[in-house]
Full PDB file with SEQRES, HELIX, SHEET, SSBOND, CRYST1, ORIGX, SCALE, CONECT and MASTER records, all heavy atoms in Angstrom:
SEQRES   1 A   42  LYS GLU ARG GLU PHE VAL ALA ALA ILE ARG TRP SER GLY          
SEQRES   2 A   42  GLY SER THR TYR TYR ALA ASP SER VAL LYS GLY ARG PHE          
SEQRES   3 A   42  THR VAL SER LYS ASP ASN ALA LYS ASN THR VAL TYR LEU          
SEQRES   4 A   42  GLN MET ASN                                                  
HELIX    1 AA1 ASN A   32  LYS A   34  5                                   3    
SHEET    1 AA1 2 ALA A   7  ILE A   9  0                                        
SHEET    2 AA1 2 THR A  16  TYR A  18 -1                                        
SHEET    1 AA2 2 PHE A  26  ASP A  31  0                                        
SHEET    2 AA2 2 THR A  36  MET A  41 -1                                        
CRYST1    1.000    1.000    1.000  90.00  90.00  90.00 P 1           1          
ORIGX1      1.000000  0.000000  0.000000        0.00000                         
ORIGX2      0.000000  1.000000  0.000000        0.00000                         
ORIGX3      0.000000  0.000000  1.000000        0.00000                         
SCALE1      1.000000  0.000000  0.000000        0.00000                         
SCALE2      0.000000  1.000000  0.000000        0.00000                         
SCALE3      0.000000  0.000000  1.000000        0.00000                         
ATOM      1  N   LYS A   1      -7.038 -19.008 -14.524  1.00  0.00           N  
ATOM      2  CA  LYS A   1      -6.843 -17.559 -14.394  1.00  0.00           C  
ATOM      3  C   LYS A   1      -7.664 -16.799 -15.422  1.00  0.00           C  
ATOM      4  O   LYS A   1      -8.127 -17.353 -16.417  1.00  0.00           O  
ATOM      5  CB  LYS A   1      -5.357 -17.217 -14.555  1.00  0.00           C  
ATOM      6  CG  LYS A   1      -4.478 -17.759 -13.448  1.00  0.00           C  
ATOM      7  CD  LYS A   1      -3.076 -17.203 -13.539  1.00  0.00           C  
ATOM      8  CE  LYS A   1      -2.217 -17.680 -12.378  1.00  0.00           C  
ATOM      9  NZ  LYS A   1      -0.848 -17.119 -12.439  1.00  0.00           N  
ATOM     10  N   GLU A   2      -7.824 -15.506 -15.149  1.00  0.00           N  
ATOM     11  CA  GLU A   2      -8.525 -14.632 -16.081  1.00  0.00           C  
ATOM     12  C   GLU A   2      -7.659 -14.396 -17.327  1.00  0.00           C  
ATOM     13  O   GLU A   2      -6.426 -14.446 -17.272  1.00  0.00           O  
ATOM     14  CB  GLU A   2      -8.807 -13.280 -15.422  1.00  0.00           C  
ATOM     15  CG  GLU A   2      -9.791 -13.328 -14.275  1.00  0.00           C  
ATOM     16  CD  GLU A   2     -11.219 -13.412 -14.782  1.00  0.00           C  
ATOM     17  OE1 GLU A   2     -11.507 -12.829 -15.838  1.00  0.00           O  
ATOM     18  OE2 GLU A   2     -12.033 -14.069 -14.114  1.00  0.00           O  
ATOM     19  N   ARG A   3      -8.346 -14.112 -18.435  1.00  0.00           N  
ATOM     20  CA  ARG A   3      -7.631 -13.711 -19.638  1.00  0.00           C  
ATOM     21  C   ARG A   3      -7.033 -12.320 -19.397  1.00  0.00           C  
ATOM     22  O   ARG A   3      -7.741 -11.408 -18.963  1.00  0.00           O  
ATOM     23  CB  ARG A   3      -8.566 -13.691 -20.835  1.00  0.00           C  
ATOM     24  CG  ARG A   3      -7.876 -13.545 -22.162  1.00  0.00           C  
ATOM     25  CD  ARG A   3      -8.829 -13.769 -23.319  1.00  0.00           C  
ATOM     26  NE  ARG A   3      -9.376 -15.130 -23.304  1.00  0.00           N  
ATOM     27  CZ  ARG A   3     -10.105 -15.647 -24.296  1.00  0.00           C  
ATOM     28  NH1 ARG A   3     -10.342 -14.915 -25.383  1.00  0.00           N  
ATOM     29  NH2 ARG A   3     -10.582 -16.866 -24.200  1.00  0.00           N  
ATOM     30  N   GLU A   4      -5.746 -12.170 -19.700  1.00  0.00           N  
ATOM     31  CA  GLU A   4      -5.074 -10.915 -19.402  1.00  0.00           C  
ATOM     32  C   GLU A   4      -4.422 -10.329 -20.638  1.00  0.00           C  
ATOM     33  O   GLU A   4      -3.995 -11.031 -21.555  1.00  0.00           O  
ATOM     34  CB  GLU A   4      -4.019 -11.110 -18.311  1.00  0.00           C  
ATOM     35  CG  GLU A   4      -2.858 -12.004 -18.680  1.00  0.00           C  
ATOM     36  CD  GLU A   4      -1.789 -12.057 -17.598  1.00  0.00           C  
ATOM     37  OE1 GLU A   4      -1.971 -11.477 -16.522  1.00  0.00           O  
ATOM     38  OE2 GLU A   4      -0.745 -12.678 -17.861  1.00  0.00           O  
ATOM     39  N   PHE A   5      -4.325  -8.997 -20.600  1.00  0.00           N  
ATOM     40  CA  PHE A   5      -3.717  -8.253 -21.696  1.00  0.00           C  
ATOM     41  C   PHE A   5      -2.215  -8.505 -21.737  1.00  0.00           C  
ATOM     42  O   PHE A   5      -1.552  -8.576 -20.695  1.00  0.00           O  
ATOM     43  CB  PHE A   5      -3.983  -6.760 -21.492  1.00  0.00           C  
ATOM     44  CG  PHE A   5      -3.253  -5.860 -22.445  1.00  0.00           C  
ATOM     45  CD1 PHE A   5      -3.728  -5.677 -23.735  1.00  0.00           C  
ATOM     46  CD2 PHE A   5      -2.102  -5.207 -22.045  1.00  0.00           C  
ATOM     47  CE1 PHE A   5      -3.054  -4.855 -24.611  1.00  0.00           C  
ATOM     48  CE2 PHE A   5      -1.425  -4.380 -22.910  1.00  0.00           C  
ATOM     49  CZ  PHE A   5      -1.899  -4.198 -24.201  1.00  0.00           C  
ATOM     50  N   VAL A   6      -1.679  -8.617 -22.962  1.00  0.00           N  
ATOM     51  CA  VAL A   6      -0.242  -8.780 -23.151  1.00  0.00           C  
ATOM     52  C   VAL A   6       0.336  -7.590 -23.906  1.00  0.00           C  
ATOM     53  O   VAL A   6       1.267  -6.937 -23.435  1.00  0.00           O  
ATOM     54  CB  VAL A   6       0.079 -10.083 -23.912  1.00  0.00           C  
ATOM     55  CG1 VAL A   6       1.571 -10.184 -24.201  1.00  0.00           C  
ATOM     56  CG2 VAL A   6      -0.408 -11.299 -23.136  1.00  0.00           C  
ATOM     57  N   ALA A   7      -0.221  -7.319 -25.104  1.00  0.00           N  
ATOM     58  CA  ALA A   7       0.312  -6.240 -25.932  1.00  0.00           C  
ATOM     59  C   ALA A   7      -0.727  -5.862 -26.977  1.00  0.00           C  
ATOM     60  O   ALA A   7      -1.654  -6.640 -27.255  1.00  0.00           O  
ATOM     61  CB  ALA A   7       1.612  -6.668 -26.624  1.00  0.00           C  
ATOM     62  N   ALA A   8      -0.567  -4.665 -27.569  1.00  0.00           N  
ATOM     63  CA  ALA A   8      -1.461  -4.228 -28.629  1.00  0.00           C  
ATOM     64  C   ALA A   8      -0.728  -3.282 -29.557  1.00  0.00           C  
ATOM     65  O   ALA A   8       0.291  -2.678 -29.164  1.00  0.00           O  
ATOM     66  CB  ALA A   8      -2.716  -3.561 -28.060  1.00  0.00           C  
ATOM     67  N   ILE A   9      -1.253  -3.134 -30.775  1.00  0.00           N  
ATOM     68  CA  ILE A   9      -0.639  -2.257 -31.762  1.00  0.00           C  
ATOM     69  C   ILE A   9      -1.726  -1.670 -32.655  1.00  0.00           C  
ATOM     70  O   ILE A   9      -2.713  -2.335 -32.988  1.00  0.00           O  
ATOM     71  CB  ILE A   9       0.406  -3.021 -32.614  1.00  0.00           C  
ATOM     72  CG1 ILE A   9       1.161  -2.065 -33.535  1.00  0.00           C  
ATOM     73  CG2 ILE A   9      -0.243  -4.158 -33.396  1.00  0.00           C  
ATOM     74  CD1 ILE A   9       2.399  -2.706 -34.169  1.00  0.00           C  
ATOM     75  N   ARG A  10      -1.563  -0.404 -33.016  1.00  0.00           N  
ATOM     76  CA  ARG A  10      -2.466   0.229 -33.963  1.00  0.00           C  
ATOM     77  C   ARG A  10      -2.027  -0.084 -35.379  1.00  0.00           C  
ATOM     78  O   ARG A  10      -0.838   0.012 -35.698  1.00  0.00           O  
ATOM     79  CB  ARG A  10      -2.430   1.752 -33.776  1.00  0.00           C  
ATOM     80  CG  ARG A  10      -3.078   2.273 -32.524  1.00  0.00           C  
ATOM     81  CD  ARG A  10      -2.990   3.800 -32.496  1.00  0.00           C  
ATOM     82  NE  ARG A  10      -3.520   4.360 -31.280  1.00  0.00           N  
ATOM     83  CZ  ARG A  10      -4.755   4.826 -31.146  1.00  0.00           C  
ATOM     84  NH1 ARG A  10      -5.583   4.797 -32.170  1.00  0.00           N  
ATOM     85  NH2 ARG A  10      -5.156   5.310 -29.997  1.00  0.00           N  
ATOM     86  N   TRP A  11      -2.996  -0.450 -36.235  1.00  0.00           N  
ATOM     87  CA  TRP A  11      -2.658  -0.680 -37.636  1.00  0.00           C  
ATOM     88  C   TRP A  11      -2.149   0.596 -38.290  1.00  0.00           C  
ATOM     89  O   TRP A  11      -1.209   0.567 -39.070  1.00  0.00           O  
ATOM     90  CB  TRP A  11      -3.885  -1.178 -38.403  1.00  0.00           C  
ATOM     91  CG  TRP A  11      -4.084  -2.643 -38.293  1.00  0.00           C  
ATOM     92  CD1 TRP A  11      -5.011  -3.278 -37.529  1.00  0.00           C  
ATOM     93  CD2 TRP A  11      -3.349  -3.679 -38.947  1.00  0.00           C  
ATOM     94  NE1 TRP A  11      -4.886  -4.636 -37.670  1.00  0.00           N  
ATOM     95  CE2 TRP A  11      -3.878  -4.910 -38.535  1.00  0.00           C  
ATOM     96  CE3 TRP A  11      -2.273  -3.676 -39.846  1.00  0.00           C  
ATOM     97  CZ2 TRP A  11      -3.394  -6.136 -38.986  1.00  0.00           C  
ATOM     98  CZ3 TRP A  11      -1.793  -4.886 -40.302  1.00  0.00           C  
ATOM     99  CH2 TRP A  11      -2.351  -6.097 -39.871  1.00  0.00           C  
ATOM    100  N   SER A  12      -2.789   1.717 -37.980  1.00  0.00           N  
ATOM    101  CA  SER A  12      -2.377   2.993 -38.555  1.00  0.00           C  
ATOM    102  C   SER A  12      -1.505   3.731 -37.553  1.00  0.00           C  
ATOM    103  O   SER A  12      -1.942   4.044 -36.460  1.00  0.00           O  
ATOM    104  CB  SER A  12      -3.608   3.827 -38.887  1.00  0.00           C  
ATOM    105  OG  SER A  12      -3.232   5.084 -39.403  1.00  0.00           O  
ATOM    106  N   GLY A  13      -0.268   3.969 -37.905  1.00  0.00           N  
ATOM    107  CA  GLY A  13       0.641   4.683 -37.013  1.00  0.00           C  
ATOM    108  C   GLY A  13       1.563   3.775 -36.236  1.00  0.00           C  
ATOM    109  O   GLY A  13       2.703   4.124 -35.966  1.00  0.00           O  
ATOM    110  N   GLY A  14       1.065   2.591 -35.859  1.00  0.00           N  
ATOM    111  CA  GLY A  14       1.926   1.619 -35.209  1.00  0.00           C  
ATOM    112  C   GLY A  14       2.199   1.822 -33.741  1.00  0.00           C  
ATOM    113  O   GLY A  14       3.104   1.184 -33.178  1.00  0.00           O  
ATOM    114  N   SER A  15       1.419   2.680 -33.056  1.00  0.00           N  
ATOM    115  CA  SER A  15       1.623   2.826 -31.610  1.00  0.00           C  
ATOM    116  C   SER A  15       1.444   1.475 -30.923  1.00  0.00           C  
ATOM    117  O   SER A  15       0.594   0.685 -31.313  1.00  0.00           O  
ATOM    118  CB  SER A  15       0.624   3.819 -31.033  1.00  0.00           C  
ATOM    119  OG  SER A  15       0.828   5.106 -31.559  1.00  0.00           O  
ATOM    120  N   THR A  16       2.264   1.231 -29.913  1.00  0.00           N  
ATOM    121  CA  THR A  16       2.226  -0.049 -29.213  1.00  0.00           C  
ATOM    122  C   THR A  16       1.957   0.133 -27.727  1.00  0.00           C  
ATOM    123  O   THR A  16       2.238   1.194 -27.148  1.00  0.00           O  
ATOM    124  CB  THR A  16       3.546  -0.813 -29.385  1.00  0.00           C  
ATOM    125  OG1 THR A  16       4.629   0.024 -28.932  1.00  0.00           O  
ATOM    126  CG2 THR A  16       3.774  -1.188 -30.842  1.00  0.00           C  
ATOM    127  N   TYR A  17       1.424  -0.917 -27.126  1.00  0.00           N  
ATOM    128  CA  TYR A  17       1.064  -0.931 -25.709  1.00  0.00           C  
ATOM    129  C   TYR A  17       1.457  -2.293 -25.145  1.00  0.00           C  
ATOM    130  O   TYR A  17       1.280  -3.305 -25.817  1.00  0.00           O  
ATOM    131  CB  TYR A  17      -0.442  -0.718 -25.540  1.00  0.00           C  
ATOM    132  CG  TYR A  17      -0.999   0.417 -26.367  1.00  0.00           C  
ATOM    133  CD1 TYR A  17      -1.505   0.195 -27.647  1.00  0.00           C  
ATOM    134  CD2 TYR A  17      -1.011   1.731 -25.881  1.00  0.00           C  
ATOM    135  CE1 TYR A  17      -1.996   1.238 -28.421  1.00  0.00           C  
ATOM    136  CE2 TYR A  17      -1.502   2.775 -26.657  1.00  0.00           C  
ATOM    137  CZ  TYR A  17      -1.995   2.519 -27.916  1.00  0.00           C  
ATOM    138  OH  TYR A  17      -2.480   3.554 -28.685  1.00  0.00           O  
ATOM    139  N   TYR A  18       1.997  -2.293 -23.923  1.00  0.00           N  
ATOM    140  CA  TYR A  18       2.467  -3.537 -23.320  1.00  0.00           C  
ATOM    141  C   TYR A  18       2.040  -3.649 -21.861  1.00  0.00           C  
ATOM    142  O   TYR A  18       1.986  -2.657 -21.135  1.00  0.00           O  
ATOM    143  CB  TYR A  18       3.998  -3.617 -23.362  1.00  0.00           C  
ATOM    144  CG  TYR A  18       4.563  -3.734 -24.749  1.00  0.00           C  
ATOM    145  CD1 TYR A  18       5.015  -2.610 -25.432  1.00  0.00           C  
ATOM    146  CD2 TYR A  18       4.645  -4.975 -25.382  1.00  0.00           C  
ATOM    147  CE1 TYR A  18       5.532  -2.712 -26.710  1.00  0.00           C  
ATOM    148  CE2 TYR A  18       5.160  -5.092 -26.667  1.00  0.00           C  
ATOM    149  CZ  TYR A  18       5.604  -3.952 -27.320  1.00  0.00           C  
ATOM    150  OH  TYR A  18       6.110  -4.064 -28.588  1.00  0.00           O  
ATOM    151  N   ALA A  19       1.800  -4.886 -21.439  1.00  0.00           N  
ATOM    152  CA  ALA A  19       1.641  -5.150 -20.023  1.00  0.00           C  
ATOM    153  C   ALA A  19       3.008  -5.040 -19.358  1.00  0.00           C  
ATOM    154  O   ALA A  19       4.033  -5.369 -19.966  1.00  0.00           O  
ATOM    155  CB  ALA A  19       1.068  -6.551 -19.808  1.00  0.00           C  
ATOM    156  N   ASP A  20       3.031  -4.604 -18.109  1.00  0.00           N  
ATOM    157  CA  ASP A  20       4.304  -4.447 -17.402  1.00  0.00           C  
ATOM    158  C   ASP A  20       5.074  -5.750 -17.338  1.00  0.00           C  
ATOM    159  O   ASP A  20       6.310  -5.759 -17.374  1.00  0.00           O  
ATOM    160  CB  ASP A  20       4.052  -3.921 -15.983  1.00  0.00           C  
ATOM    161  CG  ASP A  20       3.615  -2.469 -15.968  1.00  0.00           C  
ATOM    162  OD1 ASP A  20       3.822  -1.761 -16.969  1.00  0.00           O  
ATOM    163  OD2 ASP A  20       3.060  -2.042 -14.938  1.00  0.00           O  
ATOM    164  N   SER A  21       4.367  -6.862 -17.249  1.00  0.00           N  
ATOM    165  CA  SER A  21       5.009  -8.161 -17.075  1.00  0.00           C  
ATOM    166  C   SER A  21       5.803  -8.610 -18.296  1.00  0.00           C  
ATOM    167  O   SER A  21       6.642  -9.516 -18.186  1.00  0.00           O  
ATOM    168  CB  SER A  21       3.967  -9.217 -16.730  1.00  0.00           C  
ATOM    169  OG  SER A  21       2.997  -9.299 -17.758  1.00  0.00           O  
ATOM    170  N   VAL A  22       5.561  -7.987 -19.442  1.00  0.00           N  
ATOM    171  CA  VAL A  22       6.262  -8.422 -20.667  1.00  0.00           C  
ATOM    172  C   VAL A  22       7.133  -7.334 -21.278  1.00  0.00           C  
ATOM    173  O   VAL A  22       7.845  -7.592 -22.256  1.00  0.00           O  
ATOM    174  CB  VAL A  22       5.272  -8.947 -21.727  1.00  0.00           C  
ATOM    175  CG1 VAL A  22       4.378 -10.035 -21.133  1.00  0.00           C  
ATOM    176  CG2 VAL A  22       4.442  -7.821 -22.327  1.00  0.00           C  
ATOM    177  N   LYS A  23       7.090  -6.133 -20.721  1.00  0.00           N  
ATOM    178  CA  LYS A  23       7.902  -5.039 -21.267  1.00  0.00           C  
ATOM    179  C   LYS A  23       9.374  -5.420 -21.268  1.00  0.00           C  
ATOM    180  O   LYS A  23       9.891  -5.943 -20.286  1.00  0.00           O  
ATOM    181  CB  LYS A  23       7.697  -3.770 -20.431  1.00  0.00           C  
ATOM    182  CG  LYS A  23       6.453  -3.001 -20.781  1.00  0.00           C  
ATOM    183  CD  LYS A  23       6.336  -1.741 -19.936  1.00  0.00           C  
ATOM    184  CE  LYS A  23       5.051  -0.995 -20.233  1.00  0.00           C  
ATOM    185  NZ  LYS A  23       4.865   0.176 -19.347  1.00  0.00           N  
ATOM    186  N   GLY A  24      10.032  -5.146 -22.388  1.00  0.00           N  
ATOM    187  CA  GLY A  24      11.454  -5.462 -22.507  1.00  0.00           C  
ATOM    188  C   GLY A  24      11.721  -6.878 -22.976  1.00  0.00           C  
ATOM    189  O   GLY A  24      12.856  -7.208 -23.333  1.00  0.00           O  
ATOM    190  N   ARG A  25      10.691  -7.736 -22.971  1.00  0.00           N  
ATOM    191  CA  ARG A  25      10.863  -9.132 -23.419  1.00  0.00           C  
ATOM    192  C   ARG A  25      10.041  -9.439 -24.664  1.00  0.00           C  
ATOM    193  O   ARG A  25      10.489 -10.207 -25.519  1.00  0.00           O  
ATOM    194  CB  ARG A  25      10.456 -10.098 -22.298  1.00  0.00           C  
ATOM    195  CG  ARG A  25      11.259  -9.951 -21.022  1.00  0.00           C  
ATOM    196  CD  ARG A  25      10.929 -11.083 -20.031  1.00  0.00           C  
ATOM    197  NE  ARG A  25       9.530 -11.083 -19.635  1.00  0.00           N  
ATOM    198  CZ  ARG A  25       8.719 -12.139 -19.767  1.00  0.00           C  
ATOM    199  NH1 ARG A  25       9.172 -13.262 -20.294  1.00  0.00           N  
ATOM    200  NH2 ARG A  25       7.465 -12.073 -19.351  1.00  0.00           N  
ATOM    201  N   PHE A  26       8.853  -8.873 -24.755  1.00  0.00           N  
ATOM    202  CA  PHE A  26       7.962  -9.128 -25.876  1.00  0.00           C  
ATOM    203  C   PHE A  26       7.899  -7.899 -26.782  1.00  0.00           C  
ATOM    204  O   PHE A  26       7.963  -6.759 -26.298  1.00  0.00           O  
ATOM    205  CB  PHE A  26       6.547  -9.428 -25.392  1.00  0.00           C  
ATOM    206  CG  PHE A  26       6.384 -10.742 -24.681  1.00  0.00           C  
ATOM    207  CD1 PHE A  26       7.471 -11.501 -24.273  1.00  0.00           C  
ATOM    208  CD2 PHE A  26       5.108 -11.221 -24.402  1.00  0.00           C  
ATOM    209  CE1 PHE A  26       7.301 -12.706 -23.599  1.00  0.00           C  
ATOM    210  CE2 PHE A  26       4.919 -12.423 -23.743  1.00  0.00           C  
ATOM    211  CZ  PHE A  26       6.017 -13.163 -23.337  1.00  0.00           C  
ATOM    212  N   THR A  27       7.726  -8.144 -28.089  1.00  0.00           N  
ATOM    213  CA  THR A  27       7.576  -7.059 -29.050  1.00  0.00           C  
ATOM    214  C   THR A  27       6.423  -7.375 -29.984  1.00  0.00           C  
ATOM    215  O   THR A  27       6.399  -8.458 -30.593  1.00  0.00           O  
ATOM    216  CB  THR A  27       8.854  -6.865 -29.875  1.00  0.00           C  
ATOM    217  OG1 THR A  27       9.951  -6.600 -28.997  1.00  0.00           O  
ATOM    218  CG2 THR A  27       8.699  -5.695 -30.839  1.00  0.00           C  
ATOM    219  N   VAL A  28       5.485  -6.437 -30.101  1.00  0.00           N  
ATOM    220  CA  VAL A  28       4.367  -6.596 -31.027  1.00  0.00           C  
ATOM    221  C   VAL A  28       4.680  -5.800 -32.290  1.00  0.00           C  
ATOM    222  O   VAL A  28       5.211  -4.686 -32.216  1.00  0.00           O  
ATOM    223  CB  VAL A  28       3.033  -6.157 -30.380  1.00  0.00           C  
ATOM    224  CG1 VAL A  28       3.050  -4.696 -29.964  1.00  0.00           C  
ATOM    225  CG2 VAL A  28       1.862  -6.454 -31.308  1.00  0.00           C  
ATOM    226  N   SER A  29       4.385  -6.379 -33.442  1.00  0.00           N  
ATOM    227  CA  SER A  29       4.645  -5.716 -34.715  1.00  0.00           C  
ATOM    228  C   SER A  29       3.594  -6.141 -35.725  1.00  0.00           C  
ATOM    229  O   SER A  29       2.758  -7.012 -35.439  1.00  0.00           O  
ATOM    230  CB  SER A  29       6.052  -6.051 -35.216  1.00  0.00           C  
ATOM    231  OG  SER A  29       6.167  -7.434 -35.481  1.00  0.00           O  
ATOM    232  N   LYS A  30       3.629  -5.524 -36.909  1.00  0.00           N  
ATOM    233  CA  LYS A  30       2.630  -5.841 -37.929  1.00  0.00           C  
ATOM    234  C   LYS A  30       3.246  -5.761 -39.296  1.00  0.00           C  
ATOM    235  O   LYS A  30       4.259  -5.089 -39.502  1.00  0.00           O  
ATOM    236  CB  LYS A  30       1.447  -4.870 -37.821  1.00  0.00           C  
ATOM    237  CG  LYS A  30       1.853  -3.400 -38.010  1.00  0.00           C  
ATOM    238  CD  LYS A  30       0.687  -2.483 -37.782  1.00  0.00           C  
ATOM    239  CE  LYS A  30       1.093  -1.017 -37.881  1.00  0.00           C  
ATOM    240  NZ  LYS A  30       1.533  -0.640 -39.232  1.00  0.00           N  
ATOM    241  N   ASP A  31       2.619  -6.460 -40.233  1.00  0.00           N  
ATOM    242  CA  ASP A  31       2.984  -6.382 -41.636  1.00  0.00           C  
ATOM    243  C   ASP A  31       1.697  -6.074 -42.382  1.00  0.00           C  
ATOM    244  O   ASP A  31       0.859  -6.957 -42.590  1.00  0.00           O  
ATOM    245  CB  ASP A  31       3.603  -7.711 -42.098  1.00  0.00           C  
ATOM    246  CG  ASP A  31       4.120  -7.635 -43.525  1.00  0.00           C  
ATOM    247  OD1 ASP A  31       3.544  -6.888 -44.341  1.00  0.00           O  
ATOM    248  OD2 ASP A  31       5.077  -8.342 -43.832  1.00  0.00           O  
ATOM    249  N   ASN A  32       1.536  -4.795 -42.757  1.00  0.00           N  
ATOM    250  CA  ASN A  32       0.282  -4.382 -43.385  1.00  0.00           C  
ATOM    251  C   ASN A  32       0.046  -5.116 -44.698  1.00  0.00           C  
ATOM    252  O   ASN A  32      -1.090  -5.490 -45.007  1.00  0.00           O  
ATOM    253  CB  ASN A  32       0.300  -2.873 -43.638  1.00  0.00           C  
ATOM    254  CG  ASN A  32       0.241  -2.080 -42.356  1.00  0.00           C  
ATOM    255  OD1 ASN A  32       0.990  -2.337 -41.414  1.00  0.00           O  
ATOM    256  ND2 ASN A  32      -0.638  -1.116 -42.286  1.00  0.00           N  
ATOM    257  N   ALA A  33       1.098  -5.356 -45.450  1.00  0.00           N  
ATOM    258  CA  ALA A  33       0.949  -6.019 -46.748  1.00  0.00           C  
ATOM    259  C   ALA A  33       0.444  -7.449 -46.594  1.00  0.00           C  
ATOM    260  O   ALA A  33      -0.282  -7.958 -47.448  1.00  0.00           O  
ATOM    261  CB  ALA A  33       2.279  -6.012 -47.499  1.00  0.00           C  
ATOM    262  N   LYS A  34       0.817  -8.085 -45.486  1.00  0.00           N  
ATOM    263  CA  LYS A  34       0.402  -9.475 -45.250  1.00  0.00           C  
ATOM    264  C   LYS A  34      -0.807  -9.570 -44.338  1.00  0.00           C  
ATOM    265  O   LYS A  34      -1.269 -10.678 -44.037  1.00  0.00           O  
ATOM    266  CB  LYS A  34       1.561 -10.268 -44.644  1.00  0.00           C  
ATOM    267  CG  LYS A  34       2.758 -10.434 -45.569  1.00  0.00           C  
ATOM    268  CD  LYS A  34       3.835 -11.280 -44.909  1.00  0.00           C  
ATOM    269  CE  LYS A  34       5.016 -11.481 -45.848  1.00  0.00           C  
ATOM    270  NZ  LYS A  34       6.086 -12.307 -45.222  1.00  0.00           N  
ATOM    271  N   ASN A  35      -1.305  -8.426 -43.870  1.00  0.00           N  
ATOM    272  CA  ASN A  35      -2.423  -8.432 -42.913  1.00  0.00           C  
ATOM    273  C   ASN A  35      -2.135  -9.373 -41.743  1.00  0.00           C  
ATOM    274  O   ASN A  35      -2.981 -10.195 -41.353  1.00  0.00           O  
ATOM    275  CB  ASN A  35      -3.724  -8.840 -43.604  1.00  0.00           C  
ATOM    276  CG  ASN A  35      -4.482  -7.637 -44.128  1.00  0.00           C  
ATOM    277  OD1 ASN A  35      -4.036  -6.505 -44.012  1.00  0.00           O  
ATOM    278  ND2 ASN A  35      -5.640  -7.877 -44.725  1.00  0.00           N  
ATOM    279  N   THR A  36      -0.954  -9.250 -41.201  1.00  0.00           N  
ATOM    280  CA  THR A  36      -0.517 -10.141 -40.129  1.00  0.00           C  
ATOM    281  C   THR A  36       0.096  -9.343 -38.987  1.00  0.00           C  
ATOM    282  O   THR A  36       0.819  -8.374 -39.217  1.00  0.00           O  
ATOM    283  CB  THR A  36       0.505 -11.163 -40.660  1.00  0.00           C  
ATOM    284  OG1 THR A  36      -0.098 -11.918 -41.704  1.00  0.00           O  
ATOM    285  CG2 THR A  36       0.961 -12.114 -39.557  1.00  0.00           C  
ATOM    286  N   VAL A  37      -0.224  -9.760 -37.782  1.00  0.00           N  
ATOM    287  CA  VAL A  37       0.342  -9.169 -36.574  1.00  0.00           C  
ATOM    288  C   VAL A  37       1.207 -10.237 -35.895  1.00  0.00           C  
ATOM    289  O   VAL A  37       0.850 -11.424 -35.914  1.00  0.00           O  
ATOM    290  CB  VAL A  37      -0.770  -8.701 -35.622  1.00  0.00           C  
ATOM    291  CG1 VAL A  37      -0.193  -8.157 -34.323  1.00  0.00           C  
ATOM    292  CG2 VAL A  37      -1.617  -7.640 -36.297  1.00  0.00           C  
ATOM    293  N   TYR A  38       2.310  -9.797 -35.313  1.00  0.00           N  
ATOM    294  CA  TYR A  38       3.248 -10.730 -34.692  1.00  0.00           C  
ATOM    295  C   TYR A  38       3.453 -10.391 -33.217  1.00  0.00           C  
ATOM    296  O   TYR A  38       3.306  -9.240 -32.800  1.00  0.00           O  
ATOM    297  CB  TYR A  38       4.602 -10.660 -35.397  1.00  0.00           C  
ATOM    298  CG  TYR A  38       4.540 -10.935 -36.866  1.00  0.00           C  
ATOM    299  CD1 TYR A  38       4.509  -9.888 -37.788  1.00  0.00           C  
ATOM    300  CD2 TYR A  38       4.488 -12.240 -37.352  1.00  0.00           C  
ATOM    301  CE1 TYR A  38       4.447 -10.131 -39.150  1.00  0.00           C  
ATOM    302  CE2 TYR A  38       4.429 -12.498 -38.710  1.00  0.00           C  
ATOM    303  CZ  TYR A  38       4.404 -11.439 -39.601  1.00  0.00           C  
ATOM    304  OH  TYR A  38       4.331 -11.686 -40.946  1.00  0.00           O  
ATOM    305  N   LEU A  39       3.824 -11.405 -32.467  1.00  0.00           N  
ATOM    306  CA  LEU A  39       4.250 -11.201 -31.088  1.00  0.00           C  
ATOM    307  C   LEU A  39       5.558 -11.964 -30.908  1.00  0.00           C  
ATOM    308  O   LEU A  39       5.554 -13.197 -30.855  1.00  0.00           O  
ATOM    309  CB  LEU A  39       3.203 -11.680 -30.085  1.00  0.00           C  
ATOM    310  CG  LEU A  39       3.543 -11.402 -28.622  1.00  0.00           C  
ATOM    311  CD1 LEU A  39       3.511  -9.891 -28.344  1.00  0.00           C  
ATOM    312  CD2 LEU A  39       2.578 -12.124 -27.686  1.00  0.00           C  
ATOM    313  N   GLN A  40       6.661 -11.238 -30.887  1.00  0.00           N  
ATOM    314  CA  GLN A  40       7.961 -11.841 -30.645  1.00  0.00           C  
ATOM    315  C   GLN A  40       8.173 -11.917 -29.138  1.00  0.00           C  
ATOM    316  O   GLN A  40       8.140 -10.893 -28.443  1.00  0.00           O  
ATOM    317  CB  GLN A  40       9.064 -10.990 -31.280  1.00  0.00           C  
ATOM    318  CG  GLN A  40      10.472 -11.507 -31.022  1.00  0.00           C  
ATOM    319  CD  GLN A  40      10.731 -12.841 -31.679  1.00  0.00           C  
ATOM    320  OE1 GLN A  40      10.373 -13.039 -32.841  1.00  0.00           O  
ATOM    321  NE2 GLN A  40      11.362 -13.754 -30.959  1.00  0.00           N  
ATOM    322  N   MET A  41       8.403 -13.126 -28.650  1.00  0.00           N  
ATOM    323  CA  MET A  41       8.533 -13.348 -27.215  1.00  0.00           C  
ATOM    324  C   MET A  41       9.937 -13.875 -26.925  1.00  0.00           C  
ATOM    325  O   MET A  41      10.297 -14.964 -27.383  1.00  0.00           O  
ATOM    326  CB  MET A  41       7.478 -14.347 -26.732  1.00  0.00           C  
ATOM    327  CG  MET A  41       6.061 -13.943 -27.104  1.00  0.00           C  
ATOM    328  SD  MET A  41       4.808 -15.049 -26.413  1.00  0.00           S  
ATOM    329  CE  MET A  41       5.187 -16.556 -27.294  1.00  0.00           C  
ATOM    330  N   ASN A  42      10.706 -13.095 -26.210  1.00  0.00           N  
ATOM    331  CA  ASN A  42      12.077 -13.471 -25.845  1.00  0.00           C  
ATOM    332  C   ASN A  42      12.190 -13.665 -24.340  1.00  0.00           C  
ATOM    333  O   ASN A  42      11.359 -13.175 -23.571  1.00  0.00           O  
ATOM    334  CB  ASN A  42      13.051 -12.384 -26.299  1.00  0.00           C  
ATOM    335  CG  ASN A  42      13.072 -12.207 -27.793  1.00  0.00           C  
ATOM    336  OD1 ASN A  42      12.857 -13.141 -28.556  1.00  0.00           O  
ATOM    337  ND2 ASN A  42      13.329 -10.973 -28.229  1.00  0.00           N  
TER     338      ASN A  42                                                      
MASTER        0    0    0    1    4    0    0    6  337    1    0    4          
END                                                                             
């Protein structure tokens, strides 16, 4: 299959974007101090 979008987040401001297929199940977040982005998948 093609590579598909799941989620995204802005470093500044923290706005988030999700694919419809994962809304309500996945959460994207960031830790600026650790320079790390997370994807929590439930």
